[in-house]
Amino acid sequence: MKTAEKARRVDKIASLSSQKKDTEGELEKTEQYLSDLKPACVDGDSSYGDRKAARTKEITALKQAQGILEGAFAEKAQSKFLQIHK
């Protein structure tokens, strides 16, 4: 009975050691990925505030362009409508 218990514990130790090795490998890969991202995300050439302001400006410009295009197509649709019914 003690031999069976010892074998079970040795298998459990081997299993946990393998799991620990895999987990440490994943941790190392994650830390490497984080250090690779740091130059672009943390030490980048612009701050978060600058990037946010640029996105806001771009969104405003796109909404303005959308309004202009919708207005142009609306005018074109009205002129076709008037020409058909003349």
PDB file of N, CA and C in Angstrom:
ATOM      1  N   MET A   1       0.816  -1.180   0.000  1.00  0.00           N
ATOM      2  CA  MET A   1       0.000   0.000   0.000  1.00  0.00           C
ATOM      3  C   MET A   1       0.877   1.269   0.000  1.00  0.00           C
ATOM      4  N   LYS A   2       1.956   1.233   0.768  1.00  0.00           N
ATOM      5  CA  LYS A   2       2.862   2.392   0.793  1.00  0.00           C
ATOM      6  C   LYS A   2       3.544   2.555  -0.556  1.00  0.00           C
ATOM      7  N   THR A   3       3.847   1.477  -1.224  1.00  0.00           N
ATOM      8  CA  THR A   3       4.484   1.548  -2.546  1.00  0.00           C
ATOM      9  C   THR A   3       3.544   2.191  -3.555  1.00  0.00           C
ATOM     10  N   ALA A   4       2.275   1.836  -3.517  1.00  0.00           N
ATOM     11  CA  ALA A   4       1.278   2.418  -4.427  1.00  0.00           C
ATOM     12  C   ALA A   4       1.109   3.909  -4.133  1.00  0.00           C
ATOM     13  N   GLU A   5       1.073   4.272  -2.860  1.00  0.00           N
ATOM     14  CA  GLU A   5       0.952   5.683  -2.480  1.00  0.00           C
ATOM     15  C   GLU A   5       2.168   6.471  -2.947  1.00  0.00           C
ATOM     16  N   LYS A   6       3.348   5.875  -2.793  1.00  0.00           N
ATOM     17  CA  LYS A   6       4.577   6.546  -3.232  1.00  0.00           C
ATOM     18  C   LYS A   6       4.558   6.741  -4.742  1.00  0.00           C
ATOM     19  N   ALA A   7       4.133   5.723  -5.493  1.00  0.00           N
ATOM     20  CA  ALA A   7       4.068   5.826  -6.954  1.00  0.00           C
ATOM     21  C   ALA A   7       3.077   6.913  -7.373  1.00  0.00           C
ATOM     22  N   ARG A   8       1.931   6.961  -6.681  1.00  0.00           N
ATOM     23  CA  ARG A   8       0.930   7.988  -6.983  1.00  0.00           C
ATOM     24  C   ARG A   8       1.486   9.382  -6.726  1.00  0.00           C
ATOM     25  N   ARG A   9       2.195   9.551  -5.635  1.00  0.00           N
ATOM     26  CA  ARG A   9       2.762  10.863  -5.317  1.00  0.00           C
ATOM     27  C   ARG A   9       3.885  11.250  -6.274  1.00  0.00           C
ATOM     28  N   VAL A  10       4.683  10.280  -6.683  1.00  0.00           N
ATOM     29  CA  VAL A  10       5.748  10.556  -7.656  1.00  0.00           C
ATOM     30  C   VAL A  10       5.131  10.997  -8.974  1.00  0.00           C
ATOM     31  N   ASP A  11       4.053  10.335  -9.409  1.00  0.00           N
ATOM     32  CA  ASP A  11       3.359  10.740 -10.637  1.00  0.00           C
ATOM     33  C   ASP A  11       2.774  12.148 -10.499  1.00  0.00           C
ATOM     34  N   LYS A  12       2.210  12.424  -9.319  1.00  0.00           N
ATOM     35  CA  LYS A  12       1.634  13.754  -9.076  1.00  0.00           C
ATOM     36  C   LYS A  12       2.720  14.830  -9.119  1.00  0.00           C
ATOM     37  N   ILE A  13       3.869  14.538  -8.530  1.00  0.00           N
ATOM     38  CA  ILE A  13       4.999  15.481  -8.550  1.00  0.00           C
ATOM     39  C   ILE A  13       5.463  15.720  -9.980  1.00  0.00           C
ATOM     40  N   ALA A  14       5.561  14.650 -10.765  1.00  0.00           N
ATOM     41  CA  ALA A  14       5.989  14.790 -12.159  1.00  0.00           C
ATOM     42  C   ALA A  14       4.986  15.621 -12.948  1.00  0.00           C
ATOM     43  N   SER A  15       3.707  15.387 -12.705  1.00  0.00           N
ATOM     44  CA  SER A  15       2.660  16.135 -13.395  1.00  0.00           C
ATOM     45  C   SER A  15       2.717  17.617 -13.031  1.00  0.00           C
ATOM     46  N   LEU A  16       2.832  17.901 -11.746  1.00  0.00           N
ATOM     47  CA  LEU A  16       2.890  19.294 -11.301  1.00  0.00           C
ATOM     48  C   LEU A  16       4.171  19.988 -11.770  1.00  0.00           C
ATOM     49  N   SER A  17       5.272  19.261 -11.815  1.00  0.00           N
ATOM     50  CA  SER A  17       6.529  19.841 -12.311  1.00  0.00           C
ATOM     51  C   SER A  17       6.400  20.212 -13.784  1.00  0.00           C
ATOM     52  N   SER A  18       5.763  19.344 -14.555  1.00  0.00           N
ATOM     53  CA  SER A  18       5.544  19.629 -15.971  1.00  0.00           C
ATOM     54  C   SER A  18       4.634  20.841 -16.151  1.00  0.00           C
ATOM     55  N   GLN A  19       3.573  20.899 -15.344  1.00  0.00           N
ATOM     56  CA  GLN A  19       2.649  22.027 -15.402  1.00  0.00           C
ATOM     57  C   GLN A  19       3.359  23.326 -15.023  1.00  0.00           C
ATOM     58  N   LYS A  20       4.228  23.269 -14.023  1.00  0.00           N
ATOM     59  CA  LYS A  20       4.988  24.453 -13.599  1.00  0.00           C
ATOM     60  C   LYS A  20       5.907  24.916 -14.717  1.00  0.00           C
ATOM     61  N   LYS A  21       6.562  23.969 -15.381  1.00  0.00           N
ATOM     62  CA  LYS A  21       7.466  24.317 -16.476  1.00  0.00           C
ATOM     63  C   LYS A  21       6.699  24.999 -17.601  1.00  0.00           C
ATOM     64  N   ASP A  22       5.526  24.456 -17.959  1.00  0.00           N
ATOM     65  CA  ASP A  22       4.702  25.069 -19.001  1.00  0.00           C
ATOM     66  C   ASP A  22       4.251  26.469 -18.606  1.00  0.00           C
ATOM     67  N   THR A  23       3.837  26.623 -17.364  1.00  0.00           N
ATOM     68  CA  THR A  23       3.366  27.918 -16.878  1.00  0.00           C
ATOM     69  C   THR A  23       4.498  28.941 -16.868  1.00  0.00           C
ATOM     70  N   GLU A  24       5.679  28.524 -16.464  1.00  0.00           N
ATOM     71  CA  GLU A  24       6.829  29.435 -16.476  1.00  0.00           C
ATOM     72  C   GLU A  24       7.178  29.846 -17.900  1.00  0.00           C
ATOM     73  N   GLY A  25       7.051  28.910 -18.843  1.00  0.00           N
ATOM     74  CA  GLY A  25       7.297  29.239 -20.245  1.00  0.00           C
ATOM     75  C   GLY A  25       6.305  30.271 -20.759  1.00  0.00           C
ATOM     76  N   GLU A  26       5.040  30.105 -20.403  1.00  0.00           N
ATOM     77  CA  GLU A  26       4.014  31.072 -20.806  1.00  0.00           C
ATOM     78  C   GLU A  26       4.271  32.431 -20.174  1.00  0.00           C
ATOM     79  N   LEU A  27       4.676  32.432 -18.909  1.00  0.00           N
ATOM     80  CA  LEU A  27       4.995  33.688 -18.228  1.00  0.00           C
ATOM     81  C   LEU A  27       6.152  34.400 -18.928  1.00  0.00           C
ATOM     82  N   GLU A  28       7.163  33.652 -19.293  1.00  0.00           N
ATOM     83  CA  GLU A  28       8.315  34.239 -19.978  1.00  0.00           C
ATOM     84  C   GLU A  28       7.904  34.838 -21.319  1.00  0.00           C
ATOM     85  N   LYS A  29       7.060  34.129 -22.059  1.00  0.00           N
ATOM     86  CA  LYS A  29       6.583  34.649 -23.357  1.00  0.00           C
ATOM     87  C   LYS A  29       5.751  35.910 -23.159  1.00  0.00           C
ATOM     88  N   THR A  30       4.914  35.916 -22.129  1.00  0.00           N
ATOM     89  CA  THR A  30       4.075  37.081 -21.857  1.00  0.00           C
ATOM     90  C   THR A  30       4.921  38.286 -21.455  1.00  0.00           C
ATOM     91  N   GLU A  31       5.925  38.070 -20.623  1.00  0.00           N
ATOM     92  CA  GLU A  31       6.806  39.168 -20.224  1.00  0.00           C
ATOM     93  C   GLU A  31       7.593  39.701 -21.419  1.00  0.00           C
ATOM     94  N   GLN A  32       8.012  38.817 -22.321  1.00  0.00           N
ATOM     95  CA  GLN A  32       8.721  39.250 -23.525  1.00  0.00           C
ATOM     96  C   GLN A  32       7.801  40.085 -24.403  1.00  0.00           C
ATOM     97  N   TYR A  33       6.553  39.641 -24.555  1.00  0.00           N
ATOM     98  CA  TYR A  33       5.572  40.379 -25.350  1.00  0.00           C
ATOM     99  C   TYR A  33       5.333  41.764 -24.747  1.00  0.00           C
ATOM    100  N   LEU A  34       5.205  41.823 -23.440  1.00  0.00           N
ATOM    101  CA  LEU A  34       5.016  43.094 -22.757  1.00  0.00           C
ATOM    102  C   LEU A  34       6.204  44.027 -22.978  1.00  0.00           C
ATOM    103  N   SER A  35       7.412  43.486 -22.892  1.00  0.00           N
ATOM    104  CA  SER A  35       8.587  44.331 -23.105  1.00  0.00           C
ATOM    105  C   SER A  35       8.699  44.760 -24.572  1.00  0.00           C
ATOM    106  N   ASP A  36       8.198  43.938 -25.504  1.00  0.00           N
ATOM    107  CA  ASP A  36       8.193  44.332 -26.922  1.00  0.00           C
ATOM    108  C   ASP A  36       7.197  45.451 -27.185  1.00  0.00           C
ATOM    109  N   LEU A  37       6.076  45.457 -26.456  1.00  0.00           N
ATOM    110  CA  LEU A  37       5.063  46.491 -26.640  1.00  0.00           C
ATOM    111  C   LEU A  37       5.416  47.818 -25.979  1.00  0.00           C
ATOM    112  N   LYS A  38       6.260  47.770 -24.973  1.00  0.00           N
ATOM    113  CA  LYS A  38       6.568  48.964 -24.189  1.00  0.00           C
ATOM    114  C   LYS A  38       7.067  50.133 -25.044  1.00  0.00           C
ATOM    115  N   PRO A  39       7.997  49.944 -25.978  1.00  0.00           N
ATOM    116  CA  PRO A  39       8.455  51.108 -26.753  1.00  0.00           C
ATOM    117  C   PRO A  39       7.332  51.794 -27.530  1.00  0.00           C
ATOM    118  N   ALA A  40       6.428  51.024 -28.106  1.00  0.00           N
ATOM    119  CA  ALA A  40       5.369  51.619 -28.907  1.00  0.00           C
ATOM    120  C   ALA A  40       4.251  52.217 -28.048  1.00  0.00           C
ATOM    121  N   CYS A  41       3.932  51.569 -26.952  1.00  0.00           N
ATOM    122  CA  CYS A  41       2.772  51.975 -26.154  1.00  0.00           C
ATOM    123  C   CYS A  41       3.105  52.925 -25.011  1.00  0.00           C
ATOM    124  N   VAL A  42       4.245  52.772 -24.396  1.00  0.00           N
ATOM    125  CA  VAL A  42       4.580  53.577 -23.228  1.00  0.00           C
ATOM    126  C   VAL A  42       5.568  54.683 -23.589  1.00  0.00           C
ATOM    127  N   ASP A  43       6.632  54.312 -24.271  1.00  0.00           N
ATOM    128  CA  ASP A  43       7.695  55.264 -24.587  1.00  0.00           C
ATOM    129  C   ASP A  43       7.535  55.865 -25.979  1.00  0.00           C
ATOM    130  N   GLY A  44       6.354  55.769 -26.566  1.00  0.00           N
ATOM    131  CA  GLY A  44       6.121  56.201 -27.946  1.00  0.00           C
ATOM    132  C   GLY A  44       6.375  57.675 -28.168  1.00  0.00           C
ATOM    133  N   ASP A  45       6.243  58.078 -29.417  1.00  0.00           N
ATOM    134  CA  ASP A  45       6.520  59.461 -29.781  1.00  0.00           C
ATOM    135  C   ASP A  45       5.365  60.400 -29.428  1.00  0.00           C
ATOM    136  N   SER A  46       4.230  59.859 -29.003  1.00  0.00           N
ATOM    137  CA  SER A  46       3.116  60.717 -28.593  1.00  0.00           C
ATOM    138  C   SER A  46       2.483  60.158 -27.329  1.00  0.00           C
ATOM    139  N   SER A  47       1.881  61.038 -26.592  1.00  0.00           N
ATOM    140  CA  SER A  47       1.245  60.623 -25.341  1.00  0.00           C
ATOM    141  C   SER A  47      -0.175  60.144 -25.614  1.00  0.00           C
ATOM    142  N   TYR A  48      -0.784  59.559 -24.607  1.00  0.00           N
ATOM    143  CA  TYR A  48      -2.172  59.100 -24.740  1.00  0.00           C
ATOM    144  C   TYR A  48      -3.083  60.276 -25.079  1.00  0.00           C
ATOM    145  N   GLY A  49      -2.872  61.399 -24.431  1.00  0.00           N
ATOM    146  CA  GLY A  49      -3.693  62.583 -24.687  1.00  0.00           C
ATOM    147  C   GLY A  49      -3.586  63.055 -26.125  1.00  0.00           C
ATOM    148  N   ASP A  50      -2.361  63.018 -26.671  1.00  0.00           N
ATOM    149  CA  ASP A  50      -2.166  63.415 -28.068  1.00  0.00           C
ATOM    150  C   ASP A  50      -2.895  62.478 -29.020  1.00  0.00           C
ATOM    151  N   ARG A  51      -2.791  61.166 -28.745  1.00  0.00           N
ATOM    152  CA  ARG A  51      -3.461  60.190 -29.616  1.00  0.00           C
ATOM    153  C   ARG A  51      -4.979  60.327 -29.513  1.00  0.00           C
ATOM    154  N   LYS A  52      -5.479  60.583 -28.300  1.00  0.00           N
ATOM    155  CA  LYS A  52      -6.918  60.742 -28.112  1.00  0.00           C
ATOM    156  C   LYS A  52      -7.417  61.989 -28.845  1.00  0.00           C
ATOM    157  N   ALA A  53      -6.673  63.075 -28.754  1.00  0.00           N
ATOM    158  CA  ALA A  53      -7.056  64.310 -29.446  1.00  0.00           C
ATOM    159  C   ALA A  53      -7.049  64.106 -30.960  1.00  0.00           C
ATOM    160  N   ALA A  54      -6.061  63.386 -31.472  1.00  0.00           N
ATOM    161  CA  ALA A  54      -5.999  63.123 -32.906  1.00  0.00           C
ATOM    162  C   ALA A  54      -7.188  62.268 -33.358  1.00  0.00           C
ATOM    163  N   ARG A  55      -7.554  61.268 -32.552  1.00  0.00           N
ATOM    164  CA  ARG A  55      -8.719  60.428 -32.899  1.00  0.00           C
ATOM    165  C   ARG A  55      -9.996  61.260 -32.891  1.00  0.00           C
ATOM    166  N   THR A  56     -10.144  62.127 -31.897  1.00  0.00           N
ATOM    167  CA  THR A  56     -11.332  62.976 -31.815  1.00  0.00           C
ATOM    168  C   THR A  56     -11.420  63.899 -33.020  1.00  0.00           C
ATOM    169  N   LYS A  57     -10.302  64.456 -33.403  1.00  0.00           N
ATOM    170  CA  LYS A  57     -10.255  65.343 -34.573  1.00  0.00           C
ATOM    171  C   LYS A  57     -10.613  64.569 -35.841  1.00  0.00           C
ATOM    172  N   GLU A  58     -10.093  63.353 -35.961  1.00  0.00           N
ATOM    173  CA  GLU A  58     -10.382  62.536 -37.138  1.00  0.00           C
ATOM    174  C   GLU A  58     -11.864  62.162 -37.190  1.00  0.00           C
ATOM    175  N   ILE A  59     -12.442  61.811 -36.060  1.00  0.00           N
ATOM    176  CA  ILE A  59     -13.864  61.458 -36.009  1.00  0.00           C
ATOM    177  C   ILE A  59     -14.717  62.655 -36.406  1.00  0.00           C
ATOM    178  N   THR A  60     -14.370  63.824 -35.924  1.00  0.00           N
ATOM    179  CA  THR A  60     -15.110  65.040 -36.273  1.00  0.00           C
ATOM    180  C   THR A  60     -15.030  65.301 -37.770  1.00  0.00           C
ATOM    181  N   ALA A  61     -13.856  65.158 -38.353  1.00  0.00           N
ATOM    182  CA  ALA A  61     -13.681  65.376 -39.783  1.00  0.00           C
ATOM    183  C   ALA A  61     -14.477  64.350 -40.592  1.00  0.00           C
ATOM    184  N   LEU A  62     -14.494  63.101 -40.150  1.00  0.00           N
ATOM    185  CA  LEU A  62     -15.249  62.071 -40.864  1.00  0.00           C
ATOM    186  C   LEU A  62     -16.754  62.333 -40.789  1.00  0.00           C
ATOM    187  N   LYS A  63     -17.245  62.792 -39.642  1.00  0.00           N
ATOM    188  CA  LYS A  63     -18.670  63.125 -39.514  1.00  0.00           C
ATOM    189  C   LYS A  63     -19.029  64.297 -40.412  1.00  0.00           C
ATOM    190  N   GLN A  64     -18.141  65.271 -40.502  1.00  0.00           N
ATOM    191  CA  GLN A  64     -18.371  66.425 -41.376  1.00  0.00           C
ATOM    192  C   GLN A  64     -18.403  65.974 -42.835  1.00  0.00           C
ATOM    193  N   ALA A  65     -17.476  65.114 -43.221  1.00  0.00           N
ATOM    194  CA  ALA A  65     -17.448  64.611 -44.598  1.00  0.00           C
ATOM    195  C   ALA A  65     -18.705  63.794 -44.889  1.00  0.00           C
ATOM    196  N   GLN A  66     -19.162  63.021 -43.930  1.00  0.00           N
ATOM    197  CA  GLN A  66     -20.374  62.230 -44.112  1.00  0.00           C
ATOM    198  C   GLN A  66     -21.574  63.154 -44.337  1.00  0.00           C
ATOM    199  N   GLY A  67     -21.645  64.221 -43.572  1.00  0.00           N
ATOM    200  CA  GLY A  67     -22.735  65.182 -43.737  1.00  0.00           C
ATOM    201  C   GLY A  67     -22.706  65.830 -45.106  1.00  0.00           C
ATOM    202  N   ILE A  68     -21.526  66.186 -45.576  1.00  0.00           N
ATOM    203  CA  ILE A  68     -21.383  66.801 -46.900  1.00  0.00           C
ATOM    204  C   ILE A  68     -21.843  65.827 -47.979  1.00  0.00           C
ATOM    205  N   LEU A  69     -21.408  64.579 -47.878  1.00  0.00           N
ATOM    206  CA  LEU A  69     -21.793  63.581 -48.878  1.00  0.00           C
ATOM    207  C   LEU A  69     -23.294  63.295 -48.838  1.00  0.00           C
ATOM    208  N   GLU A  70     -23.864  63.204 -47.652  1.00  0.00           N
ATOM    209  CA  GLU A  70     -25.304  62.969 -47.560  1.00  0.00           C
ATOM    210  C   GLU A  70     -26.069  64.138 -48.166  1.00  0.00           C
ATOM    211  N   GLY A  71     -25.590  65.349 -47.930  1.00  0.00           N
ATOM    212  CA  GLY A  71     -26.224  66.524 -48.509  1.00  0.00           C
ATOM    213  C   GLY A  71     -26.113  66.534 -50.027  1.00  0.00           C
ATOM    214  N   ALA A  72     -24.979  66.144 -50.560  1.00  0.00           N
ATOM    215  CA  ALA A  72     -24.783  66.126 -52.009  1.00  0.00           C
ATOM    216  C   ALA A  72     -25.700  65.092 -52.661  1.00  0.00           C
ATOM    217  N   PHE A  73     -25.831  63.935 -52.056  1.00  0.00           N
ATOM    218  CA  PHE A  73     -26.698  62.911 -52.626  1.00  0.00           C
ATOM    219  C   PHE A  73     -28.168  63.278 -52.467  1.00  0.00           C
ATOM    220  N   ALA A  74     -28.503  63.976 -51.405  1.00  0.00           N
ATOM    221  CA  ALA A  74     -29.883  64.408 -51.210  1.00  0.00           C
ATOM    222  C   ALA A  74     -30.270  65.432 -52.269  1.00  0.00           C
ATOM    223  N   GLU A  75     -29.374  66.375 -52.581  1.00  0.00           N
ATOM    224  CA  GLU A  75     -29.633  67.374 -53.620  1.00  0.00           C
ATOM    225  C   GLU A  75     -29.765  66.710 -54.979  1.00  0.00           C
ATOM    226  N   LYS A  76     -28.933  65.721 -55.250  1.00  0.00           N
ATOM    227  CA  LYS A  76     -28.980  65.009 -56.521  1.00  0.00           C
ATOM    228  C   LYS A  76     -30.289  64.236 -56.647  1.00  0.00           C
ATOM    229  N   ALA A  77     -30.741  63.618 -55.585  1.00  0.00           N
ATOM    230  CA  ALA A  77     -31.987  62.862 -55.605  1.00  0.00           C
ATOM    231  C   ALA A  77     -33.174  63.803 -55.821  1.00  0.00           C
ATOM    232  N   GLN A  78     -33.150  64.980 -55.221  1.00  0.00           N
ATOM    233  CA  GLN A  78     -34.244  65.934 -55.401  1.00  0.00           C
ATOM    234  C   GLN A  78     -34.276  66.458 -56.826  1.00  0.00           C
ATOM    235  N   SER A  79     -33.103  66.702 -57.411  1.00  0.00           N
ATOM    236  CA  SER A  79     -33.087  67.219 -58.778  1.00  0.00           C
ATOM    237  C   SER A  79     -33.573  66.164 -59.759  1.00  0.00           C
ATOM    238  N   LYS A  80     -33.286  64.901 -59.551  1.00  0.00           N
ATOM    239  CA  LYS A  80     -33.810  63.833 -60.411  1.00  0.00           C
ATOM    240  C   LYS A  80     -35.310  63.739 -60.250  1.00  0.00           C
ATOM    241  N   PHE A  81     -35.796  63.875 -59.030  1.00  0.00           N
ATOM    242  CA  PHE A  81     -37.216  63.787 -58.771  1.00  0.00           C
ATOM    243  C   PHE A  81     -37.954  64.898 -59.508  1.00  0.00           C
ATOM    244  N   LEU A  82     -37.399  66.087 -59.466  1.00  0.00           N
ATOM    245  CA  LEU A  82     -38.041  67.214 -60.132  1.00  0.00           C
ATOM    246  C   LEU A  82     -38.004  67.051 -61.648  1.00  0.00           C
ATOM    247  N   GLN A  83     -36.957  66.487 -62.183  1.00  0.00           N
ATOM    248  CA  GLN A  83     -36.864  66.316 -63.630  1.00  0.00           C
ATOM    249  C   GLN A  83     -37.835  65.267 -64.132  1.00  0.00           C
ATOM    250  N   ILE A  84     -38.101  64.259 -63.366  1.00  0.00           N
ATOM    251  CA  ILE A  84     -38.999  63.189 -63.788  1.00  0.00           C
ATOM    252  C   ILE A  84     -40.438  63.705 -63.842  1.00  0.00           C
ATOM    253  N   HIS A  85     -40.805  64.551 -62.939  1.00  0.00           N
ATOM    254  CA  HIS A  85     -42.184  65.011 -62.852  1.00  0.00           C
ATOM    255  C   HIS A  85     -42.458  66.279 -63.656  1.00  0.00           C
ATOM    256  N   LYS A  86     -41.568  66.745 -64.470  1.00  0.00           N
ATOM    257  CA  LYS A  86     -41.801  67.977 -65.249  1.00  0.00           C
ATOM    258  C   LYS A  86     -42.645  67.714 -66.439  1.00  0.00           C
TER     259      LYS A  86
END
